[in-house]
Amino acid sequence: MTDTSPTHPLEVDTRRPLEPAAAALLQAVGTTCVQLDTAFVVAGATARDILMWHVHGIRPVRATRDVDVAVCAVSWPYHERLVDALVATGKFARAPKHHQKLLFDSGTRGFRTELDLVPFGPLEAPPGEIAWPPRGDFVLNVLGFQEAVDTALAVSIGADIAVPAASLPALALLKLLAWKDRRARQNSDAYDLLFLLTHFHDAGNRERIWDVAPDLLERHGFQPELAAAGLLARDAKRIASPQTHDAIRALLSDEAVYATLAQDLQARAFALLPGEFNDDADRYLDAFRSAFLSEPPVPHA
């Protein structure tokens, strides 16, 4: 186990349970994936909410109503088999006009929860990208999902229900890549990244930052929250595949792209956190960038 993972299983706080529909959806997906021997991970804002709010008590401003799950698929026919198996449970229906969405019947009349089901793995062509058959006109970047599965954290969300959730370092990778890929059509990724940067310290890293990154504390004037943004970068860098690492490094090294990212984080901070807005967003982002682009410190003899 790397030091990006907790030393004991995580549990949702009983005072902050998941919505019953979300828990039932995840249980149904988990059961079906086990039956087909398919690896999956809860990703996106769903994983963010599970880890930050339901486990650590840090409430995000931006809510999500859909559920994000990534599944490892060896081929498109295999992925279709998984979708068919979910539909066969009688709880899911295909969403019209959306390749990756299913609709989950929560049992509440007139209300269905959306499931974003994104495949990745051997069916990627080229690596890091999928194109939905038959025409291949719907293309998604899936870099980072393998890391999310490989470093997933088991979280107990209820009685006898445990799901693998993408770790916060994996989410940081995914959010950076998603921001670059879909900035023009969706602006939530900048907020999610800022939320991770500014709250990583309180998400189980208050003591850890002193144990594993005293150099970051010193670099950032012994401001642990700021140093933790650098620790998040180190954790993300450690788990990144070579292809994902190169993509993130290119993003953070391009001055024009980085300036745009910084502007987006400032804008989202002002729009979503007006009561507590300050101009520290760029400092957290700079701490992350510096740590990701730097070589790891040499251990003391």
C-alpha atoms as a PDB file:
ATOM      1  CA  MET A   1       0.000   0.000   0.000  1.00  0.00           C
ATOM      2  CA  THR A   2       1.369   3.404  -0.930  1.00  0.00           C
ATOM      3  CA  ASP A   3       1.081   6.447   1.265  1.00  0.00           C
ATOM      4  CA  THR A   4      -1.664   7.773  -1.014  1.00  0.00           C
ATOM      5  CA  SER A   5      -4.030   5.294   0.660  1.00  0.00           C
ATOM      6  CA  PRO A   6      -5.436   5.174   4.179  1.00  0.00           C
ATOM      7  CA  THR A   7      -4.185   2.516   6.565  1.00  0.00           C
ATOM      8  CA  HIS A   8      -7.696   1.295   7.354  1.00  0.00           C
ATOM      9  CA  PRO A   9     -10.949   0.894   5.387  1.00  0.00           C
ATOM     10  CA  LEU A  10     -12.969   4.052   4.914  1.00  0.00           C
ATOM     11  CA  GLU A  11     -16.567   4.310   6.041  1.00  0.00           C
ATOM     12  CA  VAL A  12     -19.296   6.780   5.249  1.00  0.00           C
ATOM     13  CA  ASP A  13     -20.261   8.668   8.395  1.00  0.00           C
ATOM     14  CA  THR A  14     -23.723   7.576   9.520  1.00  0.00           C
ATOM     15  CA  ARG A  15     -24.623  11.249  10.013  1.00  0.00           C
ATOM     16  CA  ARG A  16     -23.955  11.891   6.317  1.00  0.00           C
ATOM     17  CA  PRO A  17     -25.303   8.869   4.430  1.00  0.00           C
ATOM     18  CA  LEU A  18     -25.500   8.640   0.667  1.00  0.00           C
ATOM     19  CA  GLU A  19     -28.837   9.284  -0.950  1.00  0.00           C
ATOM     20  CA  PRO A  20     -30.689   5.944  -0.989  1.00  0.00           C
ATOM     21  CA  ALA A  21     -30.980   6.056  -4.789  1.00  0.00           C
ATOM     22  CA  ALA A  22     -27.229   6.542  -5.232  1.00  0.00           C
ATOM     23  CA  ALA A  23     -26.415   3.740  -2.789  1.00  0.00           C
ATOM     24  CA  ALA A  24     -28.859   1.373  -4.497  1.00  0.00           C
ATOM     25  CA  LEU A  25     -27.452   2.264  -7.921  1.00  0.00           C
ATOM     26  CA  LEU A  26     -23.873   1.613  -6.833  1.00  0.00           C
ATOM     27  CA  GLN A  27     -24.860  -1.673  -5.218  1.00  0.00           C
ATOM     28  CA  ALA A  28     -26.541  -2.803  -8.452  1.00  0.00           C
ATOM     29  CA  VAL A  29     -23.526  -1.813 -10.555  1.00  0.00           C
ATOM     30  CA  GLY A  30     -21.138  -3.524  -8.147  1.00  0.00           C
ATOM     31  CA  THR A  31     -23.134  -6.760  -8.131  1.00  0.00           C
ATOM     32  CA  THR A  32     -23.268  -6.871 -11.932  1.00  0.00           C
ATOM     33  CA  CYS A  33     -19.569  -6.084 -12.336  1.00  0.00           C
ATOM     34  CA  VAL A  34     -18.674  -8.876  -9.903  1.00  0.00           C
ATOM     35  CA  GLN A  35     -20.830 -11.315 -11.872  1.00  0.00           C
ATOM     36  CA  LEU A  36     -18.982 -10.400 -15.087  1.00  0.00           C
ATOM     37  CA  ASP A  37     -15.570 -10.189 -13.377  1.00  0.00           C
ATOM     38  CA  THR A  38     -15.215  -6.559 -14.458  1.00  0.00           C
ATOM     39  CA  ALA A  39     -13.129  -3.995 -12.589  1.00  0.00           C
ATOM     40  CA  PHE A  40     -14.903  -0.703 -11.924  1.00  0.00           C
ATOM     41  CA  VAL A  41     -14.369   2.493  -9.984  1.00  0.00           C
ATOM     42  CA  VAL A  42     -16.643   5.283  -8.815  1.00  0.00           C
ATOM     43  CA  ALA A  43     -15.211   8.441 -10.357  1.00  0.00           C
ATOM     44  CA  GLY A  44     -15.986  12.094 -11.010  1.00  0.00           C
ATOM     45  CA  ALA A  45     -18.062  14.203  -8.661  1.00  0.00           C
ATOM     46  CA  THR A  46     -19.572  11.064  -7.136  1.00  0.00           C
ATOM     47  CA  ALA A  47     -16.183   9.942  -5.802  1.00  0.00           C
ATOM     48  CA  ARG A  48     -15.470  13.515  -4.725  1.00  0.00           C
ATOM     49  CA  ASP A  49     -18.674  13.631  -2.692  1.00  0.00           C
ATOM     50  CA  ILE A  50     -18.180  10.181  -1.145  1.00  0.00           C
ATOM     51  CA  LEU A  51     -14.648  10.913   0.048  1.00  0.00           C
ATOM     52  CA  MET A  52     -14.915  14.595   0.877  1.00  0.00           C
ATOM     53  CA  TRP A  53     -18.419  14.909   2.306  1.00  0.00           C
ATOM     54  CA  HIS A  54     -19.705  11.490   3.299  1.00  0.00           C
ATOM     55  CA  VAL A  55     -16.358  10.315   4.765  1.00  0.00           C
ATOM     56  CA  HIS A  56     -14.473  13.463   5.829  1.00  0.00           C
ATOM     57  CA  GLY A  57     -17.335  15.926   6.361  1.00  0.00           C
ATOM     58  CA  ILE A  58     -16.104  18.533   3.851  1.00  0.00           C
ATOM     59  CA  ARG A  59     -19.136  19.733   1.916  1.00  0.00           C
ATOM     60  CA  PRO A  60     -18.635  20.784  -1.708  1.00  0.00           C
ATOM     61  CA  VAL A  61     -20.570  23.784  -2.974  1.00  0.00           C
ATOM     62  CA  ARG A  62     -21.291  22.214  -6.348  1.00  0.00           C
ATOM     63  CA  ALA A  63     -23.756  19.347  -6.060  1.00  0.00           C
ATOM     64  CA  THR A  64     -24.083  16.433  -8.458  1.00  0.00           C
ATOM     65  CA  ARG A  65     -27.194  14.437  -9.290  1.00  0.00           C
ATOM     66  CA  ASP A  66     -25.717  11.832 -11.593  1.00  0.00           C
ATOM     67  CA  VAL A  67     -23.389   8.961 -10.696  1.00  0.00           C
ATOM     68  CA  ASP A  68     -20.055   8.471 -12.470  1.00  0.00           C
ATOM     69  CA  VAL A  69     -18.612   4.980 -12.892  1.00  0.00           C
ATOM     70  CA  ALA A  70     -15.686   3.815 -15.042  1.00  0.00           C
ATOM     71  CA  VAL A  71     -15.492   0.156 -16.057  1.00  0.00           C
ATOM     72  CA  CYS A  72     -12.603  -1.802 -17.531  1.00  0.00           C
ATOM     73  CA  ALA A  73     -13.708  -3.481 -20.770  1.00  0.00           C
ATOM     74  CA  VAL A  74     -11.648  -5.782 -22.984  1.00  0.00           C
ATOM     75  CA  SER A  75     -13.771  -4.999 -26.052  1.00  0.00           C
ATOM     76  CA  TRP A  76     -16.860  -3.137 -27.166  1.00  0.00           C
ATOM     77  CA  PRO A  77     -18.927  -6.360 -27.317  1.00  0.00           C
ATOM     78  CA  TYR A  78     -17.871  -7.039 -23.715  1.00  0.00           C
ATOM     79  CA  HIS A  79     -18.957  -3.555 -22.666  1.00  0.00           C
ATOM     80  CA  GLU A  80     -22.282  -4.079 -24.435  1.00  0.00           C
ATOM     81  CA  ARG A  81     -22.679  -7.303 -22.477  1.00  0.00           C
ATOM     82  CA  LEU A  82     -22.272  -5.321 -19.242  1.00  0.00           C
ATOM     83  CA  VAL A  83     -24.858  -2.765 -20.326  1.00  0.00           C
ATOM     84  CA  ASP A  84     -27.271  -5.557 -21.296  1.00  0.00           C
ATOM     85  CA  ALA A  85     -26.751  -7.187 -17.894  1.00  0.00           C
ATOM     86  CA  LEU A  86     -27.544  -3.924 -16.102  1.00  0.00           C
ATOM     87  CA  VAL A  87     -30.684  -3.399 -18.187  1.00  0.00           C
ATOM     88  CA  ALA A  88     -31.705  -7.015 -17.518  1.00  0.00           C
ATOM     89  CA  THR A  89     -31.881  -6.267 -13.785  1.00  0.00           C
ATOM     90  CA  GLY A  90     -34.983  -4.229 -14.546  1.00  0.00           C
ATOM     91  CA  LYS A  91     -33.513  -1.240 -12.723  1.00  0.00           C
ATOM     92  CA  PHE A  92     -31.718   0.423 -15.631  1.00  0.00           C
ATOM     93  CA  ALA A  93     -32.787   1.732 -19.019  1.00  0.00           C
ATOM     94  CA  ARG A  94     -30.717   3.115 -21.870  1.00  0.00           C
ATOM     95  CA  ALA A  95     -30.765   6.893 -22.147  1.00  0.00           C
ATOM     96  CA  PRO A  96     -31.844   8.091 -25.585  1.00  0.00           C
ATOM     97  CA  LYS A  97     -29.198  10.051 -27.509  1.00  0.00           C
ATOM     98  CA  HIS A  98     -26.493   9.463 -24.866  1.00  0.00           C
ATOM     99  CA  HIS A  99     -24.037   6.629 -25.534  1.00  0.00           C
ATOM    100  CA  GLN A 100     -22.575   6.499 -22.039  1.00  0.00           C
ATOM    101  CA  LYS A 101     -25.693   7.105 -19.934  1.00  0.00           C
ATOM    102  CA  LEU A 102     -28.136   4.742 -18.304  1.00  0.00           C
ATOM    103  CA  LEU A 103     -31.194   5.733 -16.278  1.00  0.00           C
ATOM    104  CA  PHE A 104     -31.671   4.074 -12.896  1.00  0.00           C
ATOM    105  CA  ASP A 105     -35.151   3.606 -11.461  1.00  0.00           C
ATOM    106  CA  SER A 106     -34.806   4.713  -7.859  1.00  0.00           C
ATOM    107  CA  GLY A 107     -38.312   3.613  -6.945  1.00  0.00           C
ATOM    108  CA  THR A 108     -39.495   7.196  -6.647  1.00  0.00           C
ATOM    109  CA  ARG A 109     -42.243   7.880  -9.130  1.00  0.00           C
ATOM    110  CA  GLY A 110     -41.132  10.232 -11.899  1.00  0.00           C
ATOM    111  CA  PHE A 111     -37.500  10.370 -10.751  1.00  0.00           C
ATOM    112  CA  ARG A 112     -34.569   8.494 -12.254  1.00  0.00           C
ATOM    113  CA  THR A 113     -30.874   8.819 -11.494  1.00  0.00           C
ATOM    114  CA  GLU A 114     -28.430   9.139 -14.378  1.00  0.00           C
ATOM    115  CA  LEU A 115     -25.486   6.745 -14.503  1.00  0.00           C
ATOM    116  CA  ASP A 116     -22.478   7.815 -16.576  1.00  0.00           C
ATOM    117  CA  LEU A 117     -20.831   4.511 -17.509  1.00  0.00           C
ATOM    118  CA  VAL A 118     -17.490   5.081 -19.220  1.00  0.00           C
ATOM    119  CA  PRO A 119     -15.453   2.115 -20.499  1.00  0.00           C
ATOM    120  CA  PHE A 120     -11.674   2.086 -20.700  1.00  0.00           C
ATOM    121  CA  GLY A 121      -8.884  -0.469 -21.004  1.00  0.00           C
ATOM    122  CA  PRO A 122      -8.014  -2.773 -23.915  1.00  0.00           C
ATOM    123  CA  LEU A 123     -10.758  -1.297 -26.116  1.00  0.00           C
ATOM    124  CA  GLU A 124      -8.952   2.067 -26.198  1.00  0.00           C
ATOM    125  CA  ALA A 125      -7.819   3.015 -29.695  1.00  0.00           C
ATOM    126  CA  PRO A 126      -5.508   4.861 -29.626  1.00  0.00           C
ATOM    127  CA  PRO A 127      -4.441   4.345 -25.999  1.00  0.00           C
ATOM    128  CA  GLY A 128      -6.137   6.906 -23.757  1.00  0.00           C
ATOM    129  CA  GLU A 129      -9.095   7.418 -26.072  1.00  0.00           C
ATOM    130  CA  ILE A 130     -12.360   5.655 -26.879  1.00  0.00           C
ATOM    131  CA  ALA A 131     -14.702   6.158 -29.830  1.00  0.00           C
ATOM    132  CA  TRP A 132     -18.198   4.722 -29.585  1.00  0.00           C
ATOM    133  CA  PRO A 133     -19.204   2.294 -32.332  1.00  0.00           C
ATOM    134  CA  PRO A 134     -20.514   1.990 -34.914  1.00  0.00           C
ATOM    135  CA  ARG A 135     -19.536   5.361 -36.388  1.00  0.00           C
ATOM    136  CA  GLY A 136     -16.885   6.358 -33.876  1.00  0.00           C
ATOM    137  CA  ASP A 137     -18.116   9.952 -33.876  1.00  0.00           C
ATOM    138  CA  PHE A 138     -18.460  10.198 -30.080  1.00  0.00           C
ATOM    139  CA  VAL A 139     -14.925  10.326 -28.676  1.00  0.00           C
ATOM    140  CA  LEU A 140     -13.826  10.514 -25.033  1.00  0.00           C
ATOM    141  CA  ASN A 141     -10.434  10.942 -23.398  1.00  0.00           C
ATOM    142  CA  VAL A 142     -10.047   8.197 -20.784  1.00  0.00           C
ATOM    143  CA  LEU A 143      -6.484   8.868 -19.644  1.00  0.00           C
ATOM    144  CA  GLY A 144      -6.201   8.417 -15.899  1.00  0.00           C
ATOM    145  CA  PHE A 145      -8.995   5.889 -15.445  1.00  0.00           C
ATOM    146  CA  GLN A 146      -6.602   2.949 -15.172  1.00  0.00           C
ATOM    147  CA  GLU A 147      -4.794   4.761 -12.362  1.00  0.00           C
ATOM    148  CA  ALA A 148      -8.159   5.405 -10.716  1.00  0.00           C
ATOM    149  CA  VAL A 149      -8.939   1.679 -10.686  1.00  0.00           C
ATOM    150  CA  ASP A 150      -5.437   0.683  -9.601  1.00  0.00           C
ATOM    151  CA  THR A 151      -5.439   3.062  -6.605  1.00  0.00           C
ATOM    152  CA  ALA A 152      -9.152   2.939  -5.733  1.00  0.00           C
ATOM    153  CA  LEU A 153     -10.152   3.142  -2.073  1.00  0.00           C
ATOM    154  CA  ALA A 154     -12.712   0.709  -0.710  1.00  0.00           C
ATOM    155  CA  VAL A 155     -15.464   2.690   0.994  1.00  0.00           C
ATOM    156  CA  SER A 156     -18.276   1.183   3.021  1.00  0.00           C
ATOM    157  CA  ILE A 157     -21.422   3.085   2.034  1.00  0.00           C
ATOM    158  CA  GLY A 158     -23.908   1.022   4.011  1.00  0.00           C
ATOM    159  CA  ALA A 159     -24.625  -2.366   5.504  1.00  0.00           C
ATOM    160  CA  ASP A 160     -22.583  -4.921   3.554  1.00  0.00           C
ATOM    161  CA  ILE A 161     -22.069  -2.476   0.673  1.00  0.00           C
ATOM    162  CA  ALA A 162     -18.538  -1.397  -0.228  1.00  0.00           C
ATOM    163  CA  VAL A 163     -17.550   0.350  -3.438  1.00  0.00           C
ATOM    164  CA  PRO A 164     -14.170   1.297  -4.934  1.00  0.00           C
ATOM    165  CA  ALA A 165     -13.876   5.091  -5.115  1.00  0.00           C
ATOM    166  CA  ALA A 166     -11.217   6.955  -7.061  1.00  0.00           C
ATOM    167  CA  SER A 167      -8.588   8.339  -4.676  1.00  0.00           C
ATOM    168  CA  LEU A 168      -8.134  12.092  -4.397  1.00  0.00           C
ATOM    169  CA  PRO A 169      -4.781  12.007  -6.274  1.00  0.00           C
ATOM    170  CA  ALA A 170      -6.452  10.053  -9.088  1.00  0.00           C
ATOM    171  CA  LEU A 171      -9.305  12.574  -9.141  1.00  0.00           C
ATOM    172  CA  ALA A 172      -6.775  15.406  -9.442  1.00  0.00           C
ATOM    173  CA  LEU A 173      -5.321  13.756 -12.555  1.00  0.00           C
ATOM    174  CA  LEU A 174      -8.773  13.168 -14.030  1.00  0.00           C
ATOM    175  CA  LYS A 175      -9.957  16.703 -13.312  1.00  0.00           C
ATOM    176  CA  LEU A 176      -6.912  18.312 -14.937  1.00  0.00           C
ATOM    177  CA  LEU A 177      -7.334  16.177 -18.049  1.00  0.00           C
ATOM    178  CA  ALA A 178     -11.094  16.772 -18.135  1.00  0.00           C
ATOM    179  CA  TRP A 179     -10.606  20.541 -17.805  1.00  0.00           C
ATOM    180  CA  LYS A 180      -8.303  20.592 -20.815  1.00  0.00           C
ATOM    181  CA  ASP A 181     -10.551  18.299 -22.840  1.00  0.00           C
ATOM    182  CA  ARG A 182     -13.940  19.937 -22.272  1.00  0.00           C
ATOM    183  CA  ARG A 183     -13.322  23.440 -20.944  1.00  0.00           C
ATOM    184  CA  ALA A 184     -15.248  25.047 -23.793  1.00  0.00           C
ATOM    185  CA  ARG A 185     -18.440  23.099 -23.075  1.00  0.00           C
ATOM    186  CA  GLN A 186     -18.297  22.388 -19.328  1.00  0.00           C
ATOM    187  CA  ASN A 187     -16.796  24.587 -16.633  1.00  0.00           C
ATOM    188  CA  SER A 188     -17.275  22.464 -13.498  1.00  0.00           C
ATOM    189  CA  ASP A 189     -13.849  20.812 -13.633  1.00  0.00           C
ATOM    190  CA  ALA A 190     -12.020  23.975 -12.539  1.00  0.00           C
ATOM    191  CA  TYR A 191     -14.136  24.177  -9.384  1.00  0.00           C
ATOM    192  CA  ASP A 192     -13.641  20.493  -8.604  1.00  0.00           C
ATOM    193  CA  LEU A 193      -9.872  20.873  -8.977  1.00  0.00           C
ATOM    194  CA  LEU A 194      -9.827  23.952  -6.742  1.00  0.00           C
ATOM    195  CA  PHE A 195     -11.896  22.091  -4.150  1.00  0.00           C
ATOM    196  CA  LEU A 196      -9.362  19.246  -4.103  1.00  0.00           C
ATOM    197  CA  LEU A 197      -6.401  21.618  -3.850  1.00  0.00           C
ATOM    198  CA  THR A 198      -7.811  23.669  -0.986  1.00  0.00           C
ATOM    199  CA  HIS A 199      -9.229  20.790   1.074  1.00  0.00           C
ATOM    200  CA  PHE A 200      -6.736  17.946   0.609  1.00  0.00           C
ATOM    201  CA  HIS A 201      -5.147  18.843   3.958  1.00  0.00           C
ATOM    202  CA  ASP A 202      -8.380  18.211   5.850  1.00  0.00           C
ATOM    203  CA  ALA A 203      -9.180  14.990   3.978  1.00  0.00           C
ATOM    204  CA  GLY A 204      -7.033  12.744   6.150  1.00  0.00           C
ATOM    205  CA  ASN A 205      -3.684  14.493   5.620  1.00  0.00           C
ATOM    206  CA  ARG A 206      -3.288  16.757   8.670  1.00  0.00           C
ATOM    207  CA  GLU A 207      -0.722  14.516  10.363  1.00  0.00           C
ATOM    208  CA  ARG A 208       0.587  12.918   7.194  1.00  0.00           C
ATOM    209  CA  ILE A 209       1.886  16.196   5.746  1.00  0.00           C
ATOM    210  CA  TRP A 210       4.264  16.518   8.725  1.00  0.00           C
ATOM    211  CA  ASP A 211       5.422  12.918   8.419  1.00  0.00           C
ATOM    212  CA  VAL A 212       6.082  12.627   4.683  1.00  0.00           C
ATOM    213  CA  ALA A 213       6.604  16.162   3.366  1.00  0.00           C
ATOM    214  CA  PRO A 214       8.441  18.405   5.854  1.00  0.00           C
ATOM    215  CA  ASP A 215      10.255  19.997   2.901  1.00  0.00           C
ATOM    216  CA  LEU A 216       6.929  21.161   1.457  1.00  0.00           C
ATOM    217  CA  LEU A 217       5.959  22.676   4.790  1.00  0.00           C
ATOM    218  CA  GLU A 218       9.226  24.577   4.903  1.00  0.00           C
ATOM    219  CA  ARG A 219       8.881  25.696   1.283  1.00  0.00           C
ATOM    220  CA  HIS A 220       5.418  27.107   1.941  1.00  0.00           C
ATOM    221  CA  GLY A 221       6.195  28.896   5.191  1.00  0.00           C
ATOM    222  CA  PHE A 222       4.695  26.147   7.356  1.00  0.00           C
ATOM    223  CA  GLN A 223       1.225  26.720   5.963  1.00  0.00           C
ATOM    224  CA  PRO A 224      -0.018  23.111   6.004  1.00  0.00           C
ATOM    225  CA  GLU A 225      -3.021  23.661   3.728  1.00  0.00           C
ATOM    226  CA  LEU A 226      -0.793  25.117   1.022  1.00  0.00           C
ATOM    227  CA  ALA A 227       1.864  22.441   1.491  1.00  0.00           C
ATOM    228  CA  ALA A 228      -0.850  19.789   1.170  1.00  0.00           C
ATOM    229  CA  ALA A 229      -1.616  21.006  -2.355  1.00  0.00           C
ATOM    230  CA  GLY A 230       1.982  20.141  -3.181  1.00  0.00           C
ATOM    231  CA  LEU A 231       1.586  16.774  -1.471  1.00  0.00           C
ATOM    232  CA  LEU A 232      -1.475  16.101  -3.621  1.00  0.00           C
ATOM    233  CA  ALA A 233       0.702  16.731  -6.682  1.00  0.00           C
ATOM    234  CA  ARG A 234       3.360  14.315  -5.451  1.00  0.00           C
ATOM    235  CA  ASP A 235       0.745  11.654  -4.819  1.00  0.00           C
ATOM    236  CA  ALA A 236      -0.770  12.224  -8.254  1.00  0.00           C
ATOM    237  CA  LYS A 237       2.628  12.108  -9.935  1.00  0.00           C
ATOM    238  CA  ARG A 238       3.498   8.870  -8.138  1.00  0.00           C
ATOM    239  CA  ILE A 239       0.447   7.005  -9.429  1.00  0.00           C
ATOM    240  CA  ALA A 240       0.370   8.465 -12.956  1.00  0.00           C
ATOM    241  CA  SER A 241       1.201   6.202 -15.882  1.00  0.00           C
ATOM    242  CA  PRO A 242       3.912   7.509 -18.236  1.00  0.00           C
ATOM    243  CA  GLN A 243       1.289   8.654 -20.755  1.00  0.00           C
ATOM    244  CA  THR A 244      -0.824  10.399 -18.121  1.00  0.00           C
ATOM    245  CA  HIS A 245       2.253  11.945 -16.524  1.00  0.00           C
ATOM    246  CA  ASP A 246       3.404  13.359 -19.853  1.00  0.00           C
ATOM    247  CA  ALA A 247      -0.049  14.813 -20.564  1.00  0.00           C
ATOM    248  CA  ILE A 248      -0.239  16.527 -17.160  1.00  0.00           C
ATOM    249  CA  ARG A 249       3.337  17.746 -17.402  1.00  0.00           C
ATOM    250  CA  ALA A 250       2.649  19.251 -20.830  1.00  0.00           C
ATOM    251  CA  LEU A 251      -0.467  21.001 -19.505  1.00  0.00           C
ATOM    252  CA  LEU A 252       1.319  22.489 -16.497  1.00  0.00           C
ATOM    253  CA  SER A 253       4.418  23.454 -18.505  1.00  0.00           C
ATOM    254  CA  ASP A 254       2.557  25.390 -21.196  1.00  0.00           C
ATOM    255  CA  GLU A 255       2.478  28.958 -19.880  1.00  0.00           C
ATOM    256  CA  ALA A 256      -0.561  29.995 -21.929  1.00  0.00           C
ATOM    257  CA  VAL A 257      -2.587  26.921 -20.966  1.00  0.00           C
ATOM    258  CA  TYR A 258      -1.545  27.240 -17.328  1.00  0.00           C
ATOM    259  CA  ALA A 259      -2.536  30.911 -17.239  1.00  0.00           C
ATOM    260  CA  THR A 260      -5.979  29.980 -18.569  1.00  0.00           C
ATOM    261  CA  LEU A 261      -6.325  27.265 -15.938  1.00  0.00           C
ATOM    262  CA  ALA A 262      -5.381  29.741 -13.199  1.00  0.00           C
ATOM    263  CA  GLN A 263      -7.947  32.242 -14.503  1.00  0.00           C
ATOM    264  CA  ASP A 264     -10.640  29.565 -14.521  1.00  0.00           C
ATOM    265  CA  LEU A 265      -9.867  28.589 -10.932  1.00  0.00           C
ATOM    266  CA  GLN A 266     -10.076  32.223  -9.826  1.00  0.00           C
ATOM    267  CA  ALA A 267     -13.367  32.677 -11.667  1.00  0.00           C
ATOM    268  CA  ARG A 268     -14.889  29.555 -10.142  1.00  0.00           C
ATOM    269  CA  ALA A 269     -13.665  30.553  -6.675  1.00  0.00           C
ATOM    270  CA  PHE A 270     -15.413  33.910  -6.992  1.00  0.00           C
ATOM    271  CA  ALA A 271     -18.612  32.470  -8.482  1.00  0.00           C
ATOM    272  CA  LEU A 272     -19.064  29.573  -6.063  1.00  0.00           C
ATOM    273  CA  LEU A 273     -17.367  30.813  -2.896  1.00  0.00           C
ATOM    274  CA  PRO A 274     -18.325  34.516  -2.737  1.00  0.00           C
ATOM    275  CA  GLY A 275     -18.622  34.597   1.041  1.00  0.00           C
ATOM    276  CA  GLU A 276     -15.134  33.234   1.604  1.00  0.00           C
ATOM    277  CA  PHE A 277     -13.437  34.331  -1.606  1.00  0.00           C
ATOM    278  CA  ASN A 278      -9.790  35.260  -1.498  1.00  0.00           C
ATOM    279  CA  ASP A 279      -7.082  35.410  -4.097  1.00  0.00           C
ATOM    280  CA  ASP A 280      -5.239  32.300  -2.882  1.00  0.00           C
ATOM    281  CA  ALA A 281      -6.452  30.034  -5.696  1.00  0.00           C
ATOM    282  CA  ASP A 282      -3.327  30.737  -7.726  1.00  0.00           C
ATOM    283  CA  ARG A 283      -1.092  29.941  -4.737  1.00  0.00           C
ATOM    284  CA  TYR A 284      -2.662  26.508  -4.313  1.00  0.00           C
ATOM    285  CA  LEU A 285      -2.380  25.838  -8.029  1.00  0.00           C
ATOM    286  CA  ASP A 286       1.233  27.036  -8.067  1.00  0.00           C
ATOM    287  CA  ALA A 287       2.029  24.727  -5.144  1.00  0.00           C
ATOM    288  CA  PHE A 288       0.591  21.799  -7.081  1.00  0.00           C
ATOM    289  CA  ARG A 289       2.400  22.744 -10.276  1.00  0.00           C
ATOM    290  CA  SER A 290       5.743  23.234  -8.582  1.00  0.00           C
ATOM    291  CA  ALA A 291       5.591  19.855  -6.840  1.00  0.00           C
ATOM    292  CA  PHE A 292       4.424  17.989  -9.934  1.00  0.00           C
ATOM    293  CA  LEU A 293       7.128  19.445 -12.173  1.00  0.00           C
ATOM    294  CA  SER A 294       9.910  19.086  -9.577  1.00  0.00           C
ATOM    295  CA  GLU A 295      12.014  16.038  -8.930  1.00  0.00           C
ATOM    296  CA  PRO A 296      11.196  14.307  -5.635  1.00  0.00           C
ATOM    297  CA  PRO A 297      13.414  15.291  -2.714  1.00  0.00           C
ATOM    298  CA  VAL A 298      16.431  13.148  -1.944  1.00  0.00           C
ATOM    299  CA  PRO A 299      15.812  11.215   1.307  1.00  0.00           C
ATOM    300  CA  HIS A 300      18.052  12.156   4.214  1.00  0.00           C
ATOM    301  CA  ALA A 301      20.806   9.651   4.942  1.00  0.00           C
END
